[in-house]
Protein backbone atom coordinates (compact mmCIF):
# COMPACT_ATOMS: atom_id res chain seq x y z
CA UNK A 1 14.88 -2.98 19.03
CA UNK A 2 12.63 -1.17 16.62
CA UNK A 3 11.42 -2.94 13.33
CA UNK A 4 10.23 -1.53 9.97
CA UNK A 5 8.71 -2.98 6.88
CA UNK A 6 8.55 -0.74 4.45
CA UNK A 7 5.51 -1.52 1.18
CA UNK A 8 6.18 0.70 -1.21
CA UNK A 9 2.78 0.48 -3.77
CA UNK A 10 2.98 4.16 -5.42
CA UNK A 11 2.46 2.57 -8.73
CA UNK A 12 -0.48 3.97 -10.94
CA UNK A 13 -1.13 0.88 -12.80
CA UNK A 14 -0.30 2.92 -16.31
CA UNK A 15 1.28 -0.78 -18.06
CA UNK A 16 -1.41 -2.71 -16.43
CA UNK A 17 -3.95 -0.23 -17.53
CA UNK A 18 -6.23 -0.76 -15.50
CA UNK A 19 -9.58 0.92 -14.01
CA UNK A 20 -7.53 0.95 -10.36
CA UNK A 21 -3.23 -0.14 -10.21
CA UNK A 22 -2.66 -3.43 -9.49
CA UNK A 23 -1.96 -2.86 -5.83
CA UNK A 24 -6.03 -1.72 -5.41
CA UNK A 25 -6.64 -5.30 -7.46
CA UNK A 26 -9.12 -7.44 -5.71
CA UNK A 27 -6.97 -11.09 -4.62
CA UNK A 28 -9.04 -13.40 -3.08
CA UNK A 29 -11.59 -10.50 -1.88
CA UNK A 30 -8.87 -8.34 -0.88
CA UNK A 31 -7.60 -5.88 -2.16
CA UNK A 32 -3.80 -6.72 -3.31
CA UNK A 33 -2.14 -4.55 -0.95
CA UNK A 34 -4.18 -5.67 1.86
CA UNK A 35 -2.87 -8.75 1.60
CA UNK A 36 0.95 -7.08 2.17
CA UNK A 37 -0.06 -5.18 4.93
CA UNK A 38 -1.67 -8.25 6.69
CA UNK A 39 1.30 -10.23 5.85
CA UNK A 40 4.05 -8.22 8.05
CA UNK A 41 1.30 -7.57 10.59
CA UNK A 42 1.00 -11.15 10.96
CA UNK A 43 4.54 -12.34 10.63
CA UNK A 44 5.35 -9.90 13.65
CA UNK A 45 2.69 -7.39 15.38
CA UNK A 46 5.25 -4.80 16.81
CA UNK A 47 6.51 -3.82 13.18
CA UNK A 48 6.13 -0.60 12.00
CA UNK A 49 4.56 -0.22 8.20
CA UNK A 50 5.14 2.19 6.59
CA UNK A 51 2.89 2.55 3.52
CA UNK A 52 4.03 4.12 0.47
CA UNK A 53 1.63 5.13 -1.68
CA UNK A 54 0.65 7.62 -4.86
CA UNK A 55 -0.59 10.81 -3.69
CA UNK A 56 -3.57 10.30 -6.35
CA UNK A 57 -4.32 7.47 -4.13
CA UNK A 58 -3.77 8.53 -0.63
CA UNK A 59 -8.25 8.77 -0.33
CA UNK A 60 -8.32 6.22 -2.61
CA UNK A 61 -6.82 4.20 0.05
CA UNK A 62 -8.43 5.58 3.14
CA UNK A 63 -11.79 4.60 1.91
CA UNK A 64 -10.57 1.14 1.33
CA UNK A 65 -9.38 1.17 4.40
CA UNK A 66 -12.40 1.67 5.59
CA UNK A 67 -14.74 -0.47 3.23
CA UNK A 68 -12.56 -3.19 4.03
CA UNK A 69 -11.91 -2.44 8.00
CA UNK A 70 -7.71 -2.48 7.89
CA UNK A 71 -7.30 -2.64 11.87
CA UNK A 72 -3.22 -2.83 11.11
CA UNK A 73 -2.28 0.31 12.71
CA UNK A 74 0.59 2.03 9.57
CA UNK A 75 2.30 5.06 8.63
CA UNK A 76 1.02 6.10 5.24
CA UNK A 77 3.00 8.58 3.45
CA UNK A 78 3.05 9.92 -0.06
CA UNK A 79 5.31 8.61 -3.03
CA UNK A 80 6.73 10.43 -5.38
CA UNK A 81 8.36 10.21 -9.54
CA UNK A 82 10.23 13.41 -8.51
CA UNK A 83 13.77 10.90 -8.80
CA UNK A 84 14.30 8.27 -11.10
CA UNK A 85 16.76 6.21 -11.72
CA UNK A 86 18.55 5.92 -15.59
CA UNK A 87 17.43 9.30 -16.67
């Protein structure tokens, strides 16, 4: 049986008013999003991780992956806001 974890990190950080969205801010020396990826991978290395990121930050993620030497294999998908609840 295949197992999946979907990490939705598609925000742009407008409410936090930071230079980068909160998923990329550092927590204990690592980006918050990396803590999530590592937690799922540590729990079960066979889990296939799907990471959803705002299209504007795909390249940022790729650079960060190199900088932090992220070795966990995952699927990277661009998120979008074309569907919103309550509108």
